[in-house]
Amino acid sequence: MKPFLLLITLCWNTFVIAQTDSEKAEMTVDKNEIEGHIYFLADDALKGRATGSPELKIAASYLANTLRSYGIKPHPATNSYYQKFNLIQTTAPKMLKVSINGENYPHTLAVEAKAVELSGEALYLNFGNVEDYKGKDVNGKLIIVKGGTAEASDARAIYNAHKEKQLLAIKNGAIGLIEMTLFEEDWWARVSHFMEESVKVPDTKDEQNPKPDFMHLWVNSATNKVNAFNDPKLSYTIETDGIKEKNLVTQNVVGVLEGTDQKLKEEYIMYSAHYDHVGIGKPDAVGDSIYNGARDNAIGTTAVLSMAENIGRFPTKRSALFIFFTGEEKGLLGSQYYVEHPVFPLKQIVFGFNTDGGGYNNTKLATVIGLNRTTAQKHIVAGAATFGLEAIDDPAPEQGLFDRSDNVSFASKGVPAPTYSTGFDAFNDEINKYYHQPGDEADSLDYEYLLKFYQGYVLSGRLIANDPKTPFWVKGDTYEAAANVLYEIVPEASPIKN
């Protein structure tokens, strides 16, 4: 190399090394590039990125090739950015008629239903919990219960309780279960969109022990008629052509870049987001039926791409793992599949920096679900503050947000994993205006705010990845015990008191 060129090269390398992490974060996060990613992912051409759809595969290709352009590598053993796996897609019955005591209920959803005509005697069992079955002979009968629990009857409570109710009914010999709900029209439309075309990962235990021909329905009523179901002689008729099933293939998108530190490169910081959304559904007031998912979760997906571009240009001491999950909207399918079939061992992933959200209502904030639960808190607070944002923890704990995104799949295995979200200080009408709605379009976003949001995310990730001390759960956290098992940590013995 000529002396002049050698001098230029040495000066450039010295300049790069001398730059701070905040300067490196600011250099690579570009407003025009941010807009380009989000506008593509939220374009009508992708039809809402439904799990298992051809359009989601287009999004996966875009993500994989963007990683490639940033210098992020595929898995070295397979030379592929894709972690593919099979799904079963279920489609709602075209015909489902339900009558109870001679009254028809047109608003119905099938959770489990084969083509059948049924009629007979039904039994009302309050919420259908263990106590409600005591002293009751339900063998061969249909059970009618209230949706949810005595504490909550919103959509999330009903969904969280429905599987256990189904298992109890089957265990007690019932032939079917109807859960009565009281959703307003808007929420019934949302629930219907979520439930009517569901996908699931095939369960080999189900194949070995198939369920009986069990009928499980949700029936919505405009009034609380369930309180009149104490009559011991309830009658019912059900007629349906049943749920249809077909096989699909979907994919997580995974990339990696080795760290620069000889020791710390054995540890991975995972940067993750789900890239699916809810597809096409009920049209809104202007006739738009494509649920574009700009906020949920093109914003999060673009955060991970921003991180990948930055680390591709300025590698960190720890290795970087980038994962875009499929099927989050259908029950965290992609992240749950990964933790059971890890491409890179879970014990090497020392921190999961997930990004997800339904929207924002305060552009002065970055809302981090689980901020105070890991020792990386100081880095996340500093990263956001550098670019003018205040990082706060979950302002709406009643929503259970920590357990509703892909971070919890890793947290349950012990990996410290908060979720970095756009700023909100309440789960209010401004959030619900866009959450799982056709109006969640790319042109409705504040890109000046997102520029600061992404710069803060990138800087936070760099600070965590370069810290000599490995991040961990704060002492006493729910998932600390799982982490001790995963990382083979022997907890310090408590002092013995005389």
Protein backbone atom coordinates (compact mmCIF):
# COMPACT_ATOMS: atom_id res chain seq x y z
CA MET A 1 0.00 0.00 0.00
CA LYS A 2 1.32 3.47 -0.86
CA PRO A 3 2.31 5.60 2.17
CA PHE A 4 -0.35 8.23 1.42
CA LEU A 5 -3.15 5.65 1.21
CA LEU A 6 -1.86 3.93 4.34
CA LEU A 7 -1.99 7.25 6.20
CA ILE A 8 -5.57 7.91 5.04
CA THR A 9 -6.64 4.40 6.12
CA LEU A 10 -5.04 4.76 9.56
CA CYS A 11 -6.65 8.16 10.07
CA TRP A 12 -10.09 6.81 9.10
CA ASN A 13 -9.77 3.81 11.43
CA THR A 14 -8.71 6.11 14.26
CA PHE A 15 -11.72 8.37 13.57
CA VAL A 16 -14.16 5.46 13.64
CA ILE A 17 -12.71 4.08 16.87
CA ALA A 18 -12.81 7.52 18.48
CA GLN A 19 -16.48 8.04 17.70
CA THR A 20 -18.88 7.58 20.57
CA ASP A 21 -21.78 5.13 20.44
CA SER A 22 -24.21 8.06 20.28
CA GLU A 23 -22.41 9.47 17.23
CA LYS A 24 -22.51 6.08 15.56
CA ALA A 25 -26.24 5.77 16.28
CA GLU A 26 -26.92 9.19 14.82
CA MET A 27 -24.84 8.48 11.69
CA THR A 28 -26.80 5.46 10.47
CA VAL A 29 -30.41 6.25 11.35
CA ASP A 30 -31.84 8.14 8.39
CA LYS A 31 -35.36 9.54 8.19
CA ASN A 32 -35.80 8.77 4.49
CA GLU A 33 -34.67 5.17 4.98
CA ILE A 34 -37.05 4.76 7.92
CA GLU A 35 -39.95 5.95 5.79
CA GLY A 36 -38.92 3.64 2.97
CA HIS A 37 -39.01 0.55 5.20
CA ILE A 38 -42.36 1.41 6.81
CA TYR A 39 -44.09 2.44 3.60
CA PHE A 40 -43.06 -0.84 1.98
CA LEU A 41 -44.09 -3.07 4.89
CA ALA A 42 -47.42 -1.25 5.35
CA ASP A 43 -48.24 -1.03 1.64
CA ASP A 44 -51.64 -2.30 0.46
CA ALA A 45 -49.77 -4.70 -1.84
CA LEU A 46 -48.80 -6.77 1.22
CA LYS A 47 -52.47 -7.10 2.21
CA GLY A 48 -51.85 -6.73 5.92
CA ARG A 49 -49.05 -9.36 6.14
CA ALA A 50 -51.25 -12.18 7.45
CA THR A 51 -49.36 -15.14 8.92
CA GLY A 52 -48.70 -17.82 6.32
CA SER A 53 -49.77 -15.61 3.41
CA PRO A 54 -47.78 -15.14 0.18
CA GLU A 55 -47.57 -11.46 1.07
CA LEU A 56 -45.83 -12.25 4.37
CA LYS A 57 -43.30 -14.28 2.39
CA ILE A 58 -42.65 -11.15 0.28
CA ALA A 59 -42.04 -9.22 3.50
CA ALA A 60 -39.68 -11.98 4.70
CA SER A 61 -37.71 -11.75 1.46
CA TYR A 62 -37.46 -7.98 1.85
CA LEU A 63 -36.13 -8.37 5.40
CA ALA A 64 -33.63 -11.09 4.51
CA ASN A 65 -32.21 -9.17 1.59
CA THR A 66 -32.05 -5.94 3.57
CA LEU A 67 -30.01 -7.80 6.22
CA ARG A 68 -27.78 -9.08 3.43
CA SER A 69 -27.25 -5.54 2.13
CA TYR A 70 -26.15 -4.43 5.62
CA GLY A 71 -23.56 -7.18 5.88
CA ILE A 72 -25.54 -9.27 8.36
CA LYS A 73 -24.89 -12.98 7.81
CA PRO A 74 -27.28 -15.93 7.50
CA HIS A 75 -26.92 -18.97 9.72
CA PRO A 76 -23.48 -20.40 8.87
CA ALA A 77 -24.64 -24.03 8.85
CA THR A 78 -27.58 -23.55 6.48
CA ASN A 79 -26.56 -20.35 4.65
CA SER A 80 -30.20 -19.28 4.98
CA TYR A 81 -31.94 -16.37 6.66
CA TYR A 82 -35.14 -18.39 7.03
CA GLN A 83 -36.27 -20.61 9.87
CA LYS A 84 -39.20 -22.34 8.21
CA PHE A 85 -41.91 -24.35 9.96
CA ASN A 86 -45.38 -25.69 9.26
CA LEU A 87 -48.71 -24.29 10.37
CA ILE A 88 -52.31 -25.39 10.28
CA GLN A 89 -54.68 -22.67 9.11
CA THR A 90 -58.29 -22.93 10.21
CA THR A 91 -61.10 -21.19 8.35
CA ALA A 92 -64.45 -20.39 9.96
CA PRO A 93 -67.57 -22.36 8.97
CA LYS A 94 -69.56 -20.81 6.16
CA MET A 95 -72.71 -21.87 7.99
CA LEU A 96 -73.23 -21.84 11.75
CA LYS A 97 -76.69 -21.68 13.29
CA VAL A 98 -77.27 -21.66 17.05
CA SER A 99 -80.58 -21.70 18.91
CA ILE A 100 -81.02 -21.82 22.70
CA ASN A 101 -84.49 -22.37 24.15
CA GLY A 102 -85.93 -21.60 20.74
CA GLU A 103 -84.14 -18.26 20.34
CA ASN A 104 -81.64 -17.81 17.48
CA TYR A 105 -78.23 -16.27 18.08
CA PRO A 106 -76.73 -14.97 14.82
CA HIS A 107 -73.43 -13.68 16.25
CA THR A 108 -71.38 -16.82 16.71
CA LEU A 109 -67.77 -17.99 16.41
CA ALA A 110 -66.48 -21.55 16.17
CA VAL A 111 -63.46 -22.38 18.33
CA GLU A 112 -63.81 -26.12 17.66
CA ALA A 113 -66.46 -27.44 15.28
CA LYS A 114 -66.81 -30.28 12.79
CA ALA A 115 -69.67 -30.54 10.32
CA VAL A 116 -72.63 -31.64 12.40
CA GLU A 117 -76.28 -31.21 13.35
CA LEU A 118 -76.79 -31.33 17.11
CA SER A 119 -79.76 -30.93 19.41
CA GLY A 120 -80.52 -31.87 22.96
CA GLU A 121 -80.28 -30.76 26.55
CA ALA A 122 -77.87 -28.10 27.73
CA LEU A 123 -76.73 -27.23 31.23
CA TYR A 124 -75.74 -23.75 32.46
CA LEU A 125 -72.61 -23.75 34.65
CA ASN A 126 -71.89 -20.10 35.50
CA PHE A 127 -68.22 -19.51 34.45
CA GLY A 128 -67.43 -23.18 33.93
CA ASN A 129 -64.64 -23.45 36.47
CA VAL A 130 -63.79 -26.48 38.64
CA GLU A 131 -66.21 -25.53 41.41
CA ASP A 132 -69.09 -25.14 38.95
CA TYR A 133 -68.86 -28.81 37.94
CA LYS A 134 -69.13 -30.19 41.47
CA GLY A 135 -72.26 -32.28 41.93
CA LYS A 136 -73.27 -31.88 38.28
CA ASP A 137 -73.73 -34.72 35.81
CA VAL A 138 -72.71 -33.22 32.46
CA ASN A 139 -71.91 -36.44 30.64
CA GLY A 140 -73.26 -36.25 27.08
CA LYS A 141 -74.58 -32.72 27.58
CA LEU A 142 -73.73 -29.34 26.10
CA ILE A 143 -72.45 -26.82 28.64
CA ILE A 144 -73.33 -23.11 28.52
CA VAL A 145 -71.14 -20.70 30.51
CA LYS A 146 -70.25 -17.04 30.77
CA GLY A 147 -67.11 -15.96 28.92
CA GLY A 148 -64.08 -14.89 30.94
CA THR A 149 -63.94 -14.98 34.73
CA ALA A 150 -65.71 -13.39 37.67
CA GLU A 151 -62.95 -10.75 37.69
CA ALA A 152 -62.92 -9.85 33.96
CA SER A 153 -64.98 -10.47 30.85
CA ASP A 154 -63.07 -8.46 28.24
CA ALA A 155 -61.67 -10.06 25.08
CA ARG A 156 -58.29 -10.88 26.59
CA ALA A 157 -59.81 -12.48 29.70
CA ILE A 158 -62.16 -14.59 27.58
CA TYR A 159 -59.36 -15.73 25.29
CA ASN A 160 -56.98 -16.52 28.17
CA ALA A 161 -59.63 -18.64 29.95
CA HIS A 162 -61.18 -20.49 27.01
CA LYS A 163 -58.67 -23.33 26.65
CA GLU A 164 -58.90 -24.33 30.30
CA LYS A 165 -62.70 -24.24 30.12
CA GLN A 166 -62.60 -26.51 27.09
CA LEU A 167 -60.32 -29.02 28.83
CA LEU A 168 -62.57 -29.08 31.91
CA ALA A 169 -65.66 -29.69 29.81
CA ILE A 170 -64.01 -32.57 27.94
CA LYS A 171 -62.68 -34.06 31.17
CA ASN A 172 -66.19 -34.09 32.64
CA GLY A 173 -67.70 -35.82 29.61
CA ALA A 174 -69.49 -32.88 27.98
CA ILE A 175 -69.97 -33.01 24.22
CA GLY A 176 -69.68 -29.26 23.74
CA LEU A 177 -69.25 -25.83 25.26
CA ILE A 178 -70.88 -22.48 24.49
CA GLU A 179 -69.34 -19.36 26.01
CA MET A 180 -71.69 -16.38 26.11
CA THR A 181 -70.06 -12.98 25.52
CA LEU A 182 -71.29 -9.39 25.72
CA PHE A 183 -69.06 -7.51 23.29
CA GLU A 184 -70.01 -4.20 21.76
CA GLU A 185 -70.30 -4.35 17.95
CA ASP A 186 -66.83 -2.86 17.35
CA TRP A 187 -65.12 -5.34 19.66
CA TRP A 188 -67.11 -8.28 18.31
CA ALA A 189 -65.83 -7.36 14.84
CA ARG A 190 -62.24 -7.32 16.14
CA VAL A 191 -62.62 -10.62 17.94
CA SER A 192 -64.26 -12.21 14.90
CA HIS A 193 -61.42 -11.07 12.65
CA PHE A 194 -58.87 -12.58 15.02
CA MET A 195 -60.66 -15.89 15.60
CA GLU A 196 -62.26 -16.74 12.28
CA GLU A 197 -59.03 -17.40 10.38
CA SER A 198 -56.57 -18.67 12.94
CA VAL A 199 -53.30 -20.51 12.54
CA LYS A 200 -51.49 -22.83 14.90
CA VAL A 201 -48.35 -24.92 15.01
CA PRO A 202 -49.21 -28.63 14.67
CA ASP A 203 -49.10 -30.36 18.02
CA THR A 204 -47.71 -33.89 17.83
CA LYS A 205 -49.46 -34.71 21.12
CA ASP A 206 -52.78 -33.87 19.48
CA GLU A 207 -51.94 -36.29 16.67
CA GLN A 208 -51.22 -39.07 19.16
CA ASN A 209 -54.25 -38.25 21.34
CA PRO A 210 -56.86 -36.65 19.08
CA LYS A 211 -59.66 -34.64 20.69
CA PRO A 212 -63.15 -36.08 20.63
CA ASP A 213 -65.68 -34.50 18.27
CA PHE A 214 -66.09 -31.61 20.67
CA MET A 215 -68.11 -28.48 19.85
CA HIS A 216 -66.82 -25.17 21.27
CA LEU A 217 -68.53 -21.91 20.35
CA TRP A 218 -68.52 -18.27 21.37
CA VAL A 219 -71.99 -16.71 21.16
CA ASN A 220 -72.41 -12.96 21.46
CA SER A 221 -75.58 -11.43 22.85
CA ALA A 222 -76.65 -7.79 22.87
CA THR A 223 -78.09 -8.25 26.36
CA ASN A 224 -77.13 -10.33 29.35
CA LYS A 225 -79.52 -13.19 28.58
CA VAL A 226 -77.20 -15.70 30.19
CA ASN A 227 -78.65 -14.77 33.59
CA ALA A 228 -81.91 -16.36 32.45
CA PHE A 229 -80.22 -19.71 31.76
CA ASN A 230 -80.74 -21.15 35.23
CA ASP A 231 -83.62 -23.22 33.87
CA PRO A 232 -82.49 -26.85 34.27
CA LYS A 233 -84.28 -27.78 31.03
CA LEU A 234 -82.31 -25.71 28.53
CA SER A 235 -82.63 -26.95 24.98
CA TYR A 236 -80.43 -26.19 21.98
CA THR A 237 -79.92 -26.87 18.30
CA ILE A 238 -76.65 -26.35 16.38
CA GLU A 239 -76.09 -26.79 12.68
CA THR A 240 -72.73 -26.12 10.96
CA ASP A 241 -70.57 -27.20 8.04
CA GLY A 242 -67.56 -27.10 10.37
CA ILE A 243 -64.13 -25.52 10.51
CA LYS A 244 -61.88 -26.17 7.51
CA GLU A 245 -58.13 -26.80 7.84
CA LYS A 246 -55.17 -26.56 5.47
CA ASN A 247 -51.38 -26.69 5.85
CA LEU A 248 -49.20 -23.61 5.46
CA VAL A 249 -45.48 -22.89 5.63
CA THR A 250 -44.21 -19.77 7.37
CA GLN A 251 -40.83 -18.45 8.47
CA ASN A 252 -38.92 -16.49 11.03
CA VAL A 253 -36.15 -14.37 9.50
CA VAL A 254 -32.80 -14.69 11.31
CA GLY A 255 -29.43 -12.99 10.79
CA VAL A 256 -26.23 -12.76 12.82
CA LEU A 257 -23.03 -10.73 13.09
CA GLU A 258 -20.09 -11.79 15.21
CA GLY A 259 -18.87 -9.44 17.91
CA THR A 260 -15.43 -7.86 18.06
CA ASP A 261 -14.39 -8.87 21.58
CA GLN A 262 -12.61 -12.21 21.83
CA LYS A 263 -14.55 -13.18 24.96
CA LEU A 264 -17.81 -11.22 24.78
CA LYS A 265 -18.54 -12.36 21.21
CA GLU A 266 -19.68 -15.69 22.72
CA GLU A 267 -22.65 -13.78 24.15
CA TYR A 268 -25.49 -12.61 21.86
CA ILE A 269 -27.76 -9.60 22.16
CA MET A 270 -31.00 -10.42 20.32
CA TYR A 271 -32.82 -7.60 18.50
CA SER A 272 -36.31 -8.78 17.63
CA ALA A 273 -39.72 -7.75 16.33
CA HIS A 274 -42.67 -9.50 14.74
CA TYR A 275 -43.32 -8.63 11.10
CA ASP A 276 -46.77 -10.17 10.64
CA HIS A 277 -50.08 -8.37 11.09
CA VAL A 278 -53.76 -9.36 10.85
CA GLY A 279 -54.38 -9.31 7.10
CA ILE A 280 -57.72 -8.34 5.55
CA GLY A 281 -60.90 -7.92 7.58
CA LYS A 282 -64.10 -5.99 8.03
CA PRO A 283 -64.09 -2.70 6.06
CA ASP A 284 -64.07 0.54 8.01
CA ALA A 285 -66.33 3.56 7.40
CA VAL A 286 -64.48 4.48 4.19
CA GLY A 287 -64.43 0.93 2.85
CA ASP A 288 -60.79 0.11 3.65
CA SER A 289 -60.43 -3.58 4.56
CA ILE A 290 -56.61 -3.91 4.59
CA TYR A 291 -55.18 -3.82 8.10
CA ASN A 292 -51.77 -2.42 7.14
CA GLY A 293 -50.07 -2.56 10.54
CA ALA A 294 -47.77 0.46 10.25
CA ARG A 295 -47.62 0.85 14.03
CA ASP A 296 -48.08 -2.85 14.73
CA ASN A 297 -45.49 -3.75 13.76
CA ALA A 298 -43.77 -2.11 10.80
CA ILE A 299 -42.41 0.36 13.37
CA GLY A 300 -40.83 -2.45 15.39
CA THR A 301 -39.56 -4.26 12.32
CA THR A 302 -37.89 -1.06 11.13
CA ALA A 303 -36.25 -0.62 14.55
CA VAL A 304 -34.51 -3.97 14.12
CA LEU A 305 -33.48 -3.06 10.56
CA SER A 306 -32.06 0.22 11.91
CA MET A 307 -30.09 -1.73 14.49
CA ALA A 308 -28.83 -4.15 11.83
CA GLU A 309 -27.62 -1.34 9.58
CA ASN A 310 -25.80 0.28 12.48
CA ILE A 311 -24.09 -2.87 13.75
CA GLY A 312 -23.30 -3.97 10.21
CA ARG A 313 -21.31 -0.75 9.89
CA PHE A 314 -20.03 -0.51 13.46
CA PRO A 315 -19.90 -4.01 15.05
CA THR A 316 -20.29 -4.26 18.82
CA LYS A 317 -18.26 -6.26 21.32
CA ARG A 318 -21.02 -8.81 21.81
CA SER A 319 -22.41 -10.69 18.84
CA ALA A 320 -25.71 -9.48 17.41
CA LEU A 321 -28.67 -11.73 16.61
CA PHE A 322 -31.52 -10.27 14.54
CA ILE A 323 -34.85 -12.12 14.50
CA PHE A 324 -38.11 -11.14 12.80
CA PHE A 325 -40.89 -13.34 14.12
CA THR A 326 -43.90 -14.62 12.20
CA GLY A 327 -47.25 -15.38 13.81
CA GLU A 328 -47.12 -13.05 16.80
CA GLU A 329 -50.66 -11.90 16.10
CA LYS A 330 -51.83 -15.52 16.17
CA GLY A 331 -50.44 -16.30 19.60
CA LEU A 332 -46.66 -15.64 19.59
CA LEU A 333 -46.18 -18.60 17.24
CA GLY A 334 -42.84 -17.61 15.75
CA SER A 335 -41.09 -16.81 19.02
CA GLN A 336 -42.51 -19.87 20.75
CA TYR A 337 -41.27 -22.01 17.86
CA TYR A 338 -37.82 -20.44 18.10
CA VAL A 339 -37.35 -21.06 21.82
CA GLU A 340 -38.26 -24.72 21.30
CA HIS A 341 -36.06 -24.99 18.15
CA PRO A 342 -33.30 -22.40 18.67
CA VAL A 343 -31.06 -21.64 15.72
CA PHE A 344 -28.52 -20.19 18.15
CA PRO A 345 -28.52 -21.68 21.69
CA LEU A 346 -30.72 -19.83 24.16
CA LYS A 347 -28.00 -19.85 26.82
CA GLN A 348 -25.83 -17.69 24.54
CA ILE A 349 -28.59 -15.08 24.19
CA VAL A 350 -27.94 -12.94 27.25
CA PHE A 351 -30.47 -10.19 26.43
CA GLY A 352 -33.50 -9.86 24.21
CA PHE A 353 -34.26 -6.32 23.01
CA ASN A 354 -37.73 -6.72 21.53
CA THR A 355 -39.68 -3.97 19.76
CA ASP A 356 -43.47 -3.97 19.44
CA GLY A 357 -46.42 -1.70 19.96
CA GLY A 358 -49.95 -0.74 19.11
CA GLY A 359 -49.29 2.97 18.74
CA TYR A 360 -48.30 6.12 20.57
CA ASN A 361 -49.95 9.12 22.21
CA ASN A 362 -46.93 10.92 23.67
CA THR A 363 -44.00 11.80 21.42
CA LYS A 364 -41.83 12.80 24.35
CA LEU A 365 -41.58 9.19 25.51
CA ALA A 366 -40.22 5.77 24.72
CA THR A 367 -42.37 3.28 26.63
CA VAL A 368 -40.39 0.18 27.59
CA ILE A 369 -42.45 -2.72 28.90
CA GLY A 370 -40.26 -4.28 31.58
CA LEU A 371 -37.82 -1.35 31.78
CA ASN A 372 -37.31 -1.72 35.53
CA ARG A 373 -36.98 -5.50 35.43
CA THR A 374 -33.42 -5.83 34.06
CA THR A 375 -30.02 -4.35 34.83
CA ALA A 376 -29.95 -2.84 31.32
CA GLN A 377 -32.37 -0.15 32.49
CA LYS A 378 -29.64 2.49 32.81
CA HIS A 379 -28.53 1.98 29.21
CA ILE A 380 -32.08 2.19 27.84
CA VAL A 381 -32.80 5.35 29.82
CA ALA A 382 -29.53 6.92 28.67
CA GLY A 383 -30.07 5.90 25.05
CA ALA A 384 -33.50 7.49 24.87
CA ALA A 385 -32.44 10.61 26.79
CA THR A 386 -29.55 11.28 24.42
CA PHE A 387 -32.08 11.92 21.67
CA GLY A 388 -34.56 13.86 23.74
CA LEU A 389 -36.93 11.10 24.89
CA GLU A 390 -37.83 9.91 28.37
CA ALA A 391 -37.90 6.14 28.82
CA ILE A 392 -40.73 5.00 31.10
CA ASP A 393 -41.97 1.62 32.21
CA ASP A 394 -45.40 0.15 31.53
CA PRO A 395 -48.10 2.76 32.28
CA ALA A 396 -50.94 0.25 31.86
CA PRO A 397 -50.04 -2.89 33.85
CA GLU A 398 -53.68 -4.00 33.78
CA GLN A 399 -53.24 -4.73 30.05
CA GLY A 400 -50.62 -7.41 30.76
CA LEU A 401 -48.45 -6.13 27.90
CA PHE A 402 -45.25 -7.85 29.04
CA ASP A 403 -46.91 -11.21 28.45
CA ARG A 404 -48.49 -10.26 25.11
CA SER A 405 -45.44 -9.90 22.87
CA ASP A 406 -42.61 -12.15 21.73
CA ASN A 407 -40.35 -11.09 24.60
CA VAL A 408 -42.27 -13.34 26.99
CA SER A 409 -41.40 -16.48 25.01
CA PHE A 410 -37.74 -15.80 25.85
CA ALA A 411 -38.38 -14.44 29.34
CA SER A 412 -40.17 -17.66 30.29
CA LYS A 413 -36.95 -19.53 29.42
CA GLY A 414 -34.89 -17.08 31.48
CA VAL A 415 -33.60 -14.59 28.88
CA PRO A 416 -33.89 -10.98 30.14
CA ALA A 417 -36.22 -9.46 27.53
CA PRO A 418 -38.14 -6.17 27.76
CA THR A 419 -40.11 -4.63 24.87
CA TYR A 420 -39.20 -1.19 23.54
CA SER A 421 -42.35 0.58 22.31
CA THR A 422 -43.34 3.97 20.98
CA GLY A 423 -44.41 6.43 23.64
CA PHE A 424 -47.73 6.04 25.39
CA ASP A 425 -48.74 7.08 28.87
CA ALA A 426 -52.15 5.37 28.84
CA PHE A 427 -53.88 2.68 26.81
CA ASN A 428 -56.56 5.11 25.64
CA ASP A 429 -58.70 6.01 22.62
CA GLU A 430 -55.72 7.37 20.68
CA ILE A 431 -54.14 3.89 20.86
CA ASN A 432 -57.38 2.04 20.06
CA LYS A 433 -57.98 4.36 17.10
CA TYR A 434 -55.22 2.56 15.19
CA TYR A 435 -54.71 -0.72 17.07
CA HIS A 436 -55.70 -3.54 14.68
CA GLN A 437 -57.57 -1.10 12.48
CA PRO A 438 -57.42 -0.38 8.71
CA GLY A 439 -56.43 3.21 9.49
CA ASP A 440 -52.99 2.11 10.74
CA GLU A 441 -51.30 3.44 7.59
CA ALA A 442 -47.74 4.59 6.95
CA ASP A 443 -48.83 8.14 6.10
CA SER A 444 -50.40 8.59 9.55
CA LEU A 445 -47.05 8.42 11.39
CA ASP A 446 -44.84 11.16 12.84
CA TYR A 447 -41.44 10.47 11.27
CA GLU A 448 -39.62 13.25 13.11
CA TYR A 449 -40.57 11.48 16.33
CA LEU A 450 -39.65 8.07 14.94
CA LEU A 451 -36.20 9.33 13.99
CA LYS A 452 -35.49 10.09 17.66
CA PHE A 453 -37.16 6.84 18.72
CA TYR A 454 -34.92 4.74 16.46
CA GLN A 455 -31.78 6.62 17.38
CA GLY A 456 -32.55 5.97 21.05
CA TYR A 457 -33.18 2.28 20.38
CA VAL A 458 -29.94 1.89 18.45
CA LEU A 459 -27.87 3.68 21.06
CA SER A 460 -29.46 1.66 23.88
CA GLY A 461 -28.63 -1.56 22.04
CA ARG A 462 -25.04 -0.48 21.50
CA LEU A 463 -24.57 0.44 25.16
CA ILE A 464 -25.90 -2.95 26.27
CA ALA A 465 -23.82 -4.83 23.71
CA ASN A 466 -20.58 -3.05 24.68
CA ASP A 467 -21.00 -3.11 28.46
CA PRO A 468 -18.34 -5.40 30.02
CA LYS A 469 -20.98 -6.55 32.52
CA THR A 470 -23.57 -9.02 31.24
CA PRO A 471 -27.20 -7.82 31.67
CA PHE A 472 -29.52 -9.80 33.92
CA TRP A 473 -32.90 -9.70 35.65
CA VAL A 474 -33.14 -7.55 38.76
CA LYS A 475 -33.02 -9.61 41.90
CA GLY A 476 -36.32 -11.25 42.78
CA ASP A 477 -37.88 -10.95 39.31
CA THR A 478 -40.44 -13.56 38.27
CA TYR A 479 -38.04 -14.98 35.70
CA GLU A 480 -34.83 -14.90 37.74
CA ALA A 481 -35.13 -18.59 38.69
CA ALA A 482 -35.54 -19.63 35.04
CA ALA A 483 -32.47 -17.55 34.16
CA ASN A 484 -30.43 -19.27 36.86
CA VAL A 485 -31.30 -22.61 35.27
CA LEU A 486 -30.67 -21.44 31.70
CA TYR A 487 -27.30 -19.85 32.40
CA GLU A 488 -26.33 -22.44 35.04
CA ILE A 489 -25.99 -19.84 37.77
CA VAL A 490 -25.85 -21.00 41.36
CA PRO A 491 -27.67 -18.38 43.49
CA GLU A 492 -25.77 -17.03 46.47
CA ALA A 493 -26.77 -18.79 49.66
CA SER A 494 -28.68 -16.70 52.17
CA PRO A 495 -26.72 -15.96 55.34
CA ILE A 496 -27.55 -18.32 58.17
CA LYS A 497 -29.07 -16.57 61.17
CA ASN A 498 -28.46 -17.97 64.62
